[in-house]
Amino acid sequence: MVETSASAGGEHTLFYDSKTKSLFSAGACGLGWCRNYPLNAALFHLQKVKLGDESKPCRLFHASYYHNLAVDATQGQLYTWGCGTFVDLAKDGTPNLDGVIPALGPRANTTTDLGEPPQPIALVPDDPYNIKDPIVSLSAGAYHSVVLTRLGIVYTFGAGQLGQLGRHITSDSTDSSGLPVDLTPAPIQGIDDSGQDKKVVAIGAGFYNTFAIVGGSSGSLYCAGENQNKQCGAGPRNLREMVRVKEIGDTVVESVEGGYCHTLVKTAAGKVLSMGCGEEGQRGDGRLIDEDGDEADDTEPRKTVTPVVLPEGRNAIGIAAGANHSVVLGDDGVAYTFGANDVGQCGVSSKDADGEEGAPVLSPHAVEIPTDAGQVIGISAGYAHTVLTTSKERVFVFGQNDNGQLGIGGKGAQNDGDIDREPSSRPVEVEIKIEIVELK
């Protein structure tokens, strides 16, 4: 078994073999196929992602809802790819945005021939869009991308209709529906970057949000984008530049993850805080709220920021946010989940009042994996599926599988009619091996 790590996207998953520095994909969007195209049995098997014509080794990667980011290990170039029609440059060099997922950024001429999946296109060194400073971290929302460089500069590009780029858009570009986009990577605004304590050391993203953590002794959290559900703390409905989350106070923040409309924060002390939506239990505080933000059980109003308490007082060493579910990695090597569980994305049993499985999980519950699998050392949450990696170099998945995102093959399917699209409500091990599947 090879050493692996993984990143769960919307309806796909990227798997990484650190020994060969190779990247593999399962499900829709991981190779550029969109869910709107006829499903192919190949999507349910692991397929290699090629970074450039020479299939360069991968150093960093991130799967988002509809697109992906990667940095190669040789030249440090940034690659973007995903669903839909890619940017097709006109003769005068202007991008044609019809049908484009704007988070992909500027692209070369690319087709979406299903017989030969689109490959990532590098932002080459002499390209005016290229980010010169070495990239150290990647994140992305539904339609925007976030990049952190070694100097602590955060670049964003993609859609910006709700302020999720964390900066004011000066471009007049719009997508096919008329929404504002900026395909040129540019620094975020709103953070006072004077002094070492103001250097950004970590980034995160939600569906329509960008997060930045300022380093030094402060560990302050900044947020931009949609704030209808207070996923950025109290403030305007949309934040057009980075704003400090004051409700966190002087707490030193180490990492942040965003879902569709909720936010998870891990502190330097190993505690987890939550903000935003809670109608599916994704806040993890044992309570539900309705779509209007009111308590479903008419109890006392929920605070903007609430703690997530792990069983037995465990501390957290990692967090991950799906669309409406959450995952926390405890210091005991156990993954704890809470939130929506309608397709098994929490990997635990949860029954409603009628005894039916799939009820929301309101507080952290431990996910059980085989005792010989080792401790969980990596977690990732997609739209409605979850991936765990262990110290014994094993990978477990659970949740939605209608587009092959679990990477479990589909019972050896070779044709679309044989594909098993059923979700898995319990962890299933992924065999990290490459199968050659003929496209039919």
Protein backbone atom coordinates (compact mmCIF):
# COMPACT_ATOMS: atom_id res chain seq x y z
CA MET A 1 0.00 0.00 0.00
CA VAL A 2 1.37 3.41 -0.94
CA GLU A 3 1.51 6.44 1.29
CA THR A 4 -1.39 8.69 0.35
CA SER A 5 -3.29 11.82 1.18
CA ALA A 6 -6.53 13.10 -0.30
CA SER A 7 -8.69 16.14 -0.92
CA ALA A 8 -12.47 15.79 -1.27
CA GLY A 9 -14.23 18.06 -3.75
CA GLY A 10 -17.83 18.62 -4.71
CA GLU A 11 -18.52 15.32 -6.45
CA HIS A 12 -14.97 14.05 -6.87
CA THR A 13 -11.86 13.27 -4.85
CA LEU A 14 -8.16 13.80 -5.53
CA PHE A 15 -5.79 11.17 -4.13
CA TYR A 16 -2.05 11.80 -3.79
CA ASP A 17 0.79 9.27 -3.70
CA SER A 18 3.59 11.08 -1.87
CA LYS A 19 6.20 8.49 -2.84
CA THR A 20 5.78 9.10 -6.56
CA LYS A 21 4.31 12.61 -6.17
CA SER A 22 1.48 11.50 -8.45
CA LEU A 23 -2.09 12.78 -8.37
CA PHE A 24 -5.16 10.64 -9.10
CA SER A 25 -8.84 11.44 -9.37
CA ALA A 26 -12.20 9.71 -8.96
CA GLY A 27 -15.61 11.17 -9.76
CA ALA A 28 -16.97 14.09 -11.77
CA CYS A 29 -14.77 17.20 -12.26
CA GLY A 30 -11.52 15.60 -11.17
CA LEU A 31 -10.44 15.13 -14.78
CA GLY A 32 -12.54 17.89 -16.28
CA TRP A 33 -15.70 15.89 -16.93
CA CYS A 34 -18.81 17.66 -15.72
CA ARG A 35 -21.69 15.93 -13.95
CA ASN A 36 -24.01 17.11 -16.74
CA TYR A 37 -22.28 14.81 -19.21
CA PRO A 38 -23.27 11.13 -19.42
CA LEU A 39 -21.53 9.22 -16.64
CA ASN A 40 -18.75 6.89 -17.64
CA ALA A 41 -17.57 3.84 -15.74
CA ALA A 42 -14.04 5.25 -15.82
CA LEU A 43 -15.05 8.02 -13.42
CA PHE A 44 -15.61 5.41 -10.71
CA HIS A 45 -12.00 4.21 -10.91
CA LEU A 46 -8.84 6.09 -9.99
CA GLN A 47 -7.39 7.89 -12.99
CA LYS A 48 -4.05 9.70 -13.13
CA VAL A 49 -4.08 13.48 -13.43
CA LYS A 50 -1.31 14.78 -15.66
CA LEU A 51 0.25 18.12 -14.80
CA GLY A 52 1.37 19.31 -18.22
CA ASP A 53 2.52 17.28 -21.21
CA GLU A 54 5.39 15.78 -19.21
CA SER A 55 3.16 14.76 -16.29
CA LYS A 56 5.17 16.71 -13.74
CA PRO A 57 5.29 15.58 -10.09
CA CYS A 58 2.82 17.30 -7.78
CA ARG A 59 3.75 19.29 -4.64
CA LEU A 60 0.44 20.89 -3.56
CA PHE A 61 -3.15 20.15 -4.54
CA HIS A 62 -6.68 21.11 -3.58
CA ALA A 63 -10.08 19.83 -4.74
CA SER A 64 -12.97 22.27 -4.58
CA TYR A 65 -16.63 21.95 -5.48
CA TYR A 66 -16.28 22.25 -9.26
CA HIS A 67 -12.59 22.73 -9.92
CA ASN A 68 -9.09 21.87 -8.75
CA LEU A 69 -5.75 23.54 -8.08
CA ALA A 70 -2.27 22.03 -8.08
CA VAL A 71 1.36 23.16 -7.97
CA ASP A 72 4.03 21.05 -9.63
CA ALA A 73 7.15 20.04 -7.71
CA THR A 74 9.66 21.03 -10.38
CA GLN A 75 8.89 24.60 -11.46
CA GLY A 76 6.28 25.54 -8.88
CA GLN A 77 3.72 26.37 -11.55
CA LEU A 78 0.04 26.71 -10.70
CA TYR A 79 -2.41 24.48 -12.57
CA THR A 80 -6.21 24.80 -12.67
CA TRP A 81 -8.83 22.49 -14.15
CA GLY A 82 -12.39 21.38 -13.58
CA CYS A 83 -15.90 21.05 -14.99
CA GLY A 84 -17.49 22.91 -17.85
CA THR A 85 -16.14 24.68 -20.90
CA PHE A 86 -12.75 26.21 -20.31
CA VAL A 87 -11.74 29.73 -21.22
CA ASP A 88 -11.19 29.97 -24.96
CA LEU A 89 -9.00 32.93 -25.86
CA ALA A 90 -10.19 34.99 -28.82
CA LYS A 91 -7.80 36.17 -31.53
CA ASP A 92 -7.31 39.47 -29.74
CA GLY A 93 -6.34 37.65 -26.54
CA THR A 94 -9.52 38.39 -24.60
CA PRO A 95 -11.13 35.46 -22.78
CA ASN A 96 -14.50 34.15 -23.90
CA LEU A 97 -16.37 33.48 -20.65
CA ASP A 98 -19.41 31.61 -21.95
CA GLY A 99 -19.95 28.49 -19.86
CA VAL A 100 -16.77 29.02 -17.89
CA ILE A 101 -16.23 28.25 -14.24
CA PRO A 102 -14.43 31.52 -13.51
CA ALA A 103 -12.40 30.04 -10.67
CA LEU A 104 -10.23 28.36 -13.30
CA GLY A 105 -8.51 31.62 -14.11
CA PRO A 106 -6.92 32.48 -17.47
CA ARG A 107 -6.59 29.43 -19.70
CA ALA A 108 -5.08 28.39 -23.00
CA ASN A 109 -7.23 27.03 -25.81
CA THR A 110 -8.78 23.86 -24.44
CA THR A 111 -11.51 21.49 -25.54
CA THR A 112 -13.79 19.22 -23.59
CA ASP A 113 -13.58 16.12 -25.74
CA LEU A 114 -14.85 13.33 -23.51
CA GLY A 115 -12.62 10.83 -25.27
CA GLU A 116 -9.56 12.69 -24.00
CA PRO A 117 -10.19 14.49 -20.70
CA PRO A 118 -8.91 18.07 -20.49
CA GLN A 119 -5.58 18.37 -18.72
CA PRO A 120 -4.38 21.13 -16.39
CA ILE A 121 -2.87 24.15 -18.10
CA ALA A 122 0.08 25.83 -16.40
CA LEU A 123 0.33 29.55 -15.81
CA VAL A 124 3.75 29.76 -17.43
CA PRO A 125 6.59 31.94 -16.02
CA ASP A 126 6.34 34.63 -18.72
CA ASP A 127 2.55 34.82 -18.44
CA PRO A 128 1.38 38.16 -16.96
CA TYR A 129 -1.02 36.21 -14.76
CA ASN A 130 1.75 34.15 -13.18
CA ILE A 131 2.36 34.36 -9.44
CA LYS A 132 6.13 34.79 -9.03
CA ASP A 133 6.53 34.16 -5.30
CA PRO A 134 6.60 30.42 -4.40
CA ILE A 135 3.16 29.09 -3.49
CA VAL A 136 2.85 27.43 -0.08
CA SER A 137 -0.90 26.83 0.28
CA LEU A 138 -4.04 26.44 -1.86
CA SER A 139 -7.74 26.76 -1.15
CA ALA A 140 -10.90 27.41 -3.14
CA GLY A 141 -14.62 28.04 -2.89
CA ALA A 142 -17.29 27.11 -5.38
CA TYR A 143 -16.30 29.62 -8.05
CA HIS A 144 -13.14 31.28 -6.75
CA SER A 145 -9.57 30.30 -5.94
CA VAL A 146 -7.23 31.36 -3.13
CA VAL A 147 -3.43 31.10 -3.16
CA LEU A 148 -0.92 31.89 -0.38
CA THR A 149 2.73 32.60 -1.19
CA ARG A 150 5.87 32.30 0.92
CA LEU A 151 5.94 36.04 1.55
CA GLY A 152 2.47 35.87 3.10
CA ILE A 153 0.66 37.41 0.13
CA VAL A 154 -2.81 36.05 -0.62
CA TYR A 155 -3.97 36.07 -4.25
CA THR A 156 -7.55 35.41 -5.33
CA PHE A 157 -9.24 35.03 -8.71
CA GLY A 158 -12.59 33.90 -10.06
CA ALA A 159 -16.15 34.98 -9.29
CA GLY A 160 -16.65 37.91 -6.94
CA GLN A 161 -20.36 38.68 -6.89
CA LEU A 162 -20.63 38.34 -3.09
CA GLY A 163 -17.23 39.78 -2.24
CA GLN A 164 -15.56 36.38 -1.91
CA LEU A 165 -12.37 37.59 -3.63
CA GLY A 166 -11.63 39.76 -0.61
CA ARG A 167 -10.86 42.78 -2.78
CA HIS A 168 -12.59 45.26 -5.01
CA ILE A 169 -12.83 44.14 -8.62
CA THR A 170 -11.52 46.65 -11.13
CA SER A 171 -12.16 44.46 -14.16
CA ASP A 172 -15.34 44.81 -16.21
CA SER A 173 -15.36 41.07 -16.98
CA THR A 174 -18.49 39.06 -16.34
CA ASP A 175 -19.43 35.43 -16.81
CA SER A 176 -22.18 34.22 -19.15
CA SER A 177 -24.86 35.12 -16.58
CA GLY A 178 -23.53 38.65 -16.08
CA LEU A 179 -21.92 38.11 -12.68
CA PRO A 180 -18.62 39.95 -12.02
CA VAL A 181 -15.42 37.93 -12.27
CA ASP A 182 -11.72 38.70 -12.18
CA LEU A 183 -9.53 36.09 -13.83
CA THR A 184 -6.30 37.87 -12.93
CA PRO A 185 -4.79 36.75 -9.60
CA ALA A 186 -4.49 39.82 -7.35
CA PRO A 187 -3.82 40.39 -3.62
CA ILE A 188 -6.64 40.60 -1.11
CA GLN A 189 -7.42 43.91 0.60
CA GLY A 190 -8.32 44.97 4.13
CA ILE A 191 -5.44 43.53 6.16
CA ASP A 192 -2.88 45.90 7.64
CA ASP A 193 0.30 44.13 6.51
CA SER A 194 2.75 46.30 8.42
CA GLY A 195 5.05 44.26 10.64
CA GLN A 196 5.74 40.55 11.01
CA ASP A 197 2.65 40.06 13.15
CA LYS A 198 0.50 41.00 10.16
CA LYS A 199 1.89 38.40 7.77
CA VAL A 200 -0.75 35.94 6.54
CA VAL A 201 0.30 32.41 7.51
CA ALA A 202 -2.77 30.36 6.57
CA ILE A 203 -5.79 30.54 4.28
CA GLY A 204 -9.14 28.87 3.88
CA ALA A 205 -12.28 29.14 1.80
CA GLY A 206 -15.99 28.50 2.03
CA PHE A 207 -18.52 28.23 -0.78
CA TYR A 208 -18.61 32.04 -1.13
CA ASN A 209 -15.92 33.04 1.38
CA THR A 210 -12.19 33.65 1.68
CA PHE A 211 -10.40 33.37 5.02
CA ALA A 212 -6.94 34.53 6.08
CA ILE A 213 -5.09 34.03 9.35
CA VAL A 214 -2.56 36.66 10.35
CA GLY A 215 0.52 35.18 12.00
CA GLY A 216 2.96 36.25 14.65
CA SER A 217 1.56 36.43 18.15
CA SER A 218 -1.93 37.49 17.07
CA GLY A 219 -3.38 34.60 15.07
CA SER A 220 -6.22 36.89 14.01
CA LEU A 221 -8.92 35.65 11.64
CA TYR A 222 -10.07 37.70 8.65
CA CYS A 223 -12.98 36.89 6.34
CA ALA A 224 -14.61 38.18 3.15
CA GLY A 225 -17.63 37.20 1.07
CA GLU A 226 -21.15 36.15 1.92
CA ASN A 227 -22.18 36.80 5.51
CA GLN A 228 -25.93 36.28 5.43
CA ASN A 229 -25.65 33.57 8.08
CA LYS A 230 -22.87 35.28 10.07
CA GLN A 231 -20.29 32.80 8.88
CA CYS A 232 -17.86 35.74 9.09
CA GLY A 233 -19.23 36.97 12.40
CA ALA A 234 -21.56 39.90 12.93
CA GLY A 235 -21.51 42.42 10.10
CA PRO A 236 -22.90 43.32 6.68
CA ARG A 237 -24.54 40.69 4.49
CA ASN A 238 -21.63 40.77 2.03
CA LEU A 239 -18.04 41.74 2.86
CA ARG A 240 -16.17 43.15 -0.16
CA GLU A 241 -12.74 43.10 1.47
CA MET A 242 -11.11 41.22 4.33
CA VAL A 243 -12.59 42.08 7.73
CA ARG A 244 -11.37 40.84 11.09
CA VAL A 245 -13.74 38.48 12.92
CA LYS A 246 -13.98 40.42 16.17
CA GLU A 247 -16.10 37.81 17.94
CA ILE A 248 -13.02 35.56 18.10
CA GLY A 249 -11.42 38.12 20.40
CA ASP A 250 -7.77 37.56 21.29
CA THR A 251 -7.97 33.83 20.61
CA VAL A 252 -5.01 32.66 18.51
CA VAL A 253 -6.35 30.93 15.39
CA GLU A 254 -4.33 28.23 13.58
CA SER A 255 -6.66 27.01 10.83
CA VAL A 256 -10.07 27.72 9.31
CA GLU A 257 -12.42 25.83 6.98
CA GLY A 258 -15.68 26.95 5.38
CA GLY A 259 -18.70 24.99 4.18
CA TYR A 260 -21.71 26.17 2.21
CA CYS A 261 -22.71 28.64 4.94
CA HIS A 262 -20.86 27.61 8.10
CA THR A 263 -17.31 28.10 9.34
CA LEU A 264 -15.02 26.00 11.53
CA VAL A 265 -12.06 27.52 13.36
CA LYS A 266 -9.26 25.64 15.16
CA THR A 267 -7.37 27.55 17.82
CA ALA A 268 -3.74 27.22 18.87
CA ALA A 269 -4.99 25.64 22.09
CA GLY A 270 -6.67 22.82 20.14
CA LYS A 271 -10.22 24.07 20.55
CA VAL A 272 -12.82 24.28 17.77
CA LEU A 273 -15.23 27.17 17.25
CA SER A 274 -18.13 27.36 14.80
CA MET A 275 -20.07 30.15 13.08
CA GLY A 276 -22.84 30.40 10.50
CA CYS A 277 -25.58 27.95 9.52
CA GLY A 278 -26.75 25.25 11.89
CA GLU A 279 -29.94 23.84 10.40
CA GLU A 280 -28.25 20.45 9.82
CA GLY A 281 -26.25 20.36 13.04
CA GLN A 282 -23.04 21.40 11.28
CA ARG A 283 -22.22 23.81 14.12
CA GLY A 284 -21.69 20.79 16.39
CA ASP A 285 -23.10 22.34 19.56
CA GLY A 286 -26.03 19.95 19.91
CA ARG A 287 -28.63 22.40 18.59
CA LEU A 288 -30.54 23.04 15.38
CA ILE A 289 -31.57 26.37 13.89
CA ASP A 290 -34.05 26.92 11.08
CA GLU A 291 -33.47 28.70 7.77
CA ASP A 292 -34.23 32.09 9.36
CA GLY A 293 -31.48 31.64 11.92
CA ASP A 294 -33.92 31.05 14.80
CA GLU A 295 -33.62 28.20 17.25
CA ALA A 296 -35.74 25.29 16.09
CA ASP A 297 -36.49 24.31 19.69
CA ASP A 298 -37.13 27.89 20.88
CA THR A 299 -34.27 27.77 23.38
CA GLU A 300 -32.06 30.75 24.19
CA PRO A 301 -30.54 32.43 21.11
CA ARG A 302 -27.32 30.96 19.82
CA LYS A 303 -24.22 33.13 20.00
CA THR A 304 -22.43 34.12 16.81
CA VAL A 305 -19.45 31.95 17.79
CA THR A 306 -19.99 28.69 19.69
CA PRO A 307 -17.55 26.00 20.86
CA VAL A 308 -17.47 22.45 19.53
CA VAL A 309 -16.69 20.09 22.41
CA LEU A 310 -15.10 16.75 21.59
CA PRO A 311 -15.87 13.69 23.74
CA GLU A 312 -13.74 13.20 26.86
CA GLY A 313 -12.34 16.71 26.53
CA ARG A 314 -10.13 15.84 23.57
CA ASN A 315 -8.31 18.59 21.72
CA ALA A 316 -8.43 19.03 17.96
CA ILE A 317 -5.47 18.83 15.59
CA GLY A 318 -7.41 19.21 12.34
CA ILE A 319 -10.74 20.41 10.91
CA ALA A 320 -12.64 19.98 7.64
CA ALA A 321 -15.95 21.41 6.44
CA GLY A 322 -18.25 19.85 3.88
CA ALA A 323 -21.24 21.67 2.46
CA ASN A 324 -23.40 20.92 5.50
CA HIS A 325 -21.31 18.57 7.61
CA SER A 326 -18.11 18.91 9.63
CA VAL A 327 -15.13 16.74 10.56
CA VAL A 328 -12.69 17.24 13.43
CA LEU A 329 -9.51 15.22 13.94
CA GLY A 330 -8.88 14.64 17.64
CA ASP A 331 -5.51 14.34 19.33
CA ASP A 332 -6.41 10.70 20.00
CA GLY A 333 -6.19 9.91 16.27
CA VAL A 334 -9.96 9.63 15.89
CA ALA A 335 -12.15 11.48 13.38
CA TYR A 336 -15.28 13.06 14.83
CA THR A 337 -18.17 14.11 12.57
CA PHE A 338 -21.38 16.09 12.90
CA GLY A 339 -23.96 17.77 10.68
CA ALA A 340 -25.95 16.52 7.69
CA ASN A 341 -25.93 12.74 7.36
CA ASP A 342 -28.61 12.09 4.75
CA VAL A 343 -26.19 10.18 2.50
CA GLY A 344 -23.91 8.90 5.24
CA GLN A 345 -21.35 11.72 5.02
CA CYS A 346 -20.84 11.57 8.79
CA GLY A 347 -20.06 7.85 8.69
CA VAL A 348 -22.06 7.12 11.85
CA SER A 349 -25.56 5.87 12.63
CA SER A 350 -28.15 8.63 13.14
CA LYS A 351 -31.86 7.87 13.28
CA ASP A 352 -34.82 10.23 13.31
CA ALA A 353 -37.94 9.95 15.48
CA ASP A 354 -39.34 7.28 13.15
CA GLY A 355 -36.21 5.17 13.35
CA GLU A 356 -35.04 6.06 9.85
CA GLU A 357 -31.32 6.50 9.22
CA GLY A 358 -29.96 9.80 7.95
CA ALA A 359 -30.95 12.27 10.67
CA PRO A 360 -28.60 15.19 11.34
CA VAL A 361 -25.78 14.51 13.80
CA LEU A 362 -25.91 17.37 16.30
CA SER A 363 -22.66 16.85 18.21
CA PRO A 364 -19.29 15.20 17.50
CA HIS A 365 -19.46 11.41 17.11
CA ALA A 366 -16.44 9.14 16.60
CA VAL A 367 -16.10 7.40 13.23
CA GLU A 368 -15.16 3.75 13.63
CA ILE A 369 -12.52 2.25 11.34
CA PRO A 370 -10.80 -1.17 11.64
CA THR A 371 -8.57 -1.40 14.71
CA ASP A 372 -5.61 -2.50 12.57
CA ALA A 373 -5.87 0.58 10.32
CA GLY A 374 -3.86 2.79 12.65
CA GLN A 375 -4.76 6.27 13.80
CA VAL A 376 -6.42 8.82 11.54
CA ILE A 377 -3.84 11.42 10.48
CA GLY A 378 -5.70 13.19 7.67
CA ILE A 379 -9.29 14.33 7.08
CA SER A 380 -11.06 15.97 4.15
CA ALA A 381 -14.72 16.79 3.54
CA GLY A 382 -16.38 17.16 0.15
CA TYR A 383 -19.86 18.42 -0.61
CA ALA A 384 -21.43 15.31 0.91
CA HIS A 385 -18.62 12.80 1.34
CA THR A 386 -15.63 12.37 3.64
CA VAL A 387 -12.11 10.95 3.27
CA LEU A 388 -9.85 9.72 6.08
CA THR A 389 -6.18 8.73 5.81
CA THR A 390 -4.41 6.73 8.51
CA SER A 391 -0.95 6.20 9.97
CA LYS A 392 -0.89 2.74 8.35
CA GLU A 393 -1.12 4.37 4.90
CA ARG A 394 -4.75 3.37 4.40
CA VAL A 395 -7.61 5.46 3.03
CA PHE A 396 -11.28 5.26 4.05
CA VAL A 397 -14.25 7.01 2.44
CA PHE A 398 -17.97 7.37 3.12
CA GLY A 399 -20.94 9.42 1.97
CA GLN A 400 -22.38 10.28 -1.42
CA ASN A 401 -21.17 8.26 -4.41
CA ASP A 402 -23.53 9.10 -7.27
CA ASN A 403 -20.65 10.39 -9.41
CA GLY A 404 -17.95 8.01 -8.25
CA GLN A 405 -16.44 10.44 -5.76
CA LEU A 406 -15.63 7.70 -3.26
CA GLY A 407 -13.18 6.08 -5.67
CA ILE A 408 -14.29 2.56 -4.77
CA GLY A 409 -14.72 1.42 -8.36
CA GLY A 410 -18.37 0.51 -8.64
CA LYS A 411 -18.12 -3.28 -8.27
CA GLY A 412 -15.71 -3.68 -11.16
CA ALA A 413 -17.98 -1.83 -13.56
CA GLN A 414 -16.78 -1.47 -17.13
CA ASN A 415 -19.92 0.15 -18.52
CA ASP A 416 -22.33 2.77 -17.25
CA GLY A 417 -25.09 0.22 -16.69
CA ASP A 418 -22.96 -1.70 -14.18
CA ILE A 419 -22.09 1.28 -11.99
CA ASP A 420 -23.02 1.15 -8.32
CA ARG A 421 -23.92 4.71 -7.34
CA GLU A 422 -25.18 3.91 -3.84
CA PRO A 423 -23.81 6.04 -1.00
CA SER A 424 -21.90 4.44 1.84
CA SER A 425 -22.87 5.33 5.40
CA ARG A 426 -19.92 3.42 6.84
CA PRO A 427 -16.19 3.78 6.08
CA VAL A 428 -15.04 1.80 3.06
CA GLU A 429 -11.37 1.32 2.25
CA VAL A 430 -10.04 2.62 -1.05
CA GLU A 431 -7.45 0.48 -2.80
CA ILE A 432 -4.92 2.93 -4.17
CA LYS A 433 -4.09 1.22 -7.40
CA ILE A 434 -4.56 2.27 -10.99
CA GLU A 435 -6.94 0.34 -13.20
CA ILE A 436 -6.95 0.82 -16.95
CA VAL A 437 -10.59 1.19 -17.91
CA GLU A 438 -11.63 1.39 -21.54
CA LEU A 439 -13.97 4.28 -22.28
CA LYS A 440 -17.22 3.02 -23.81
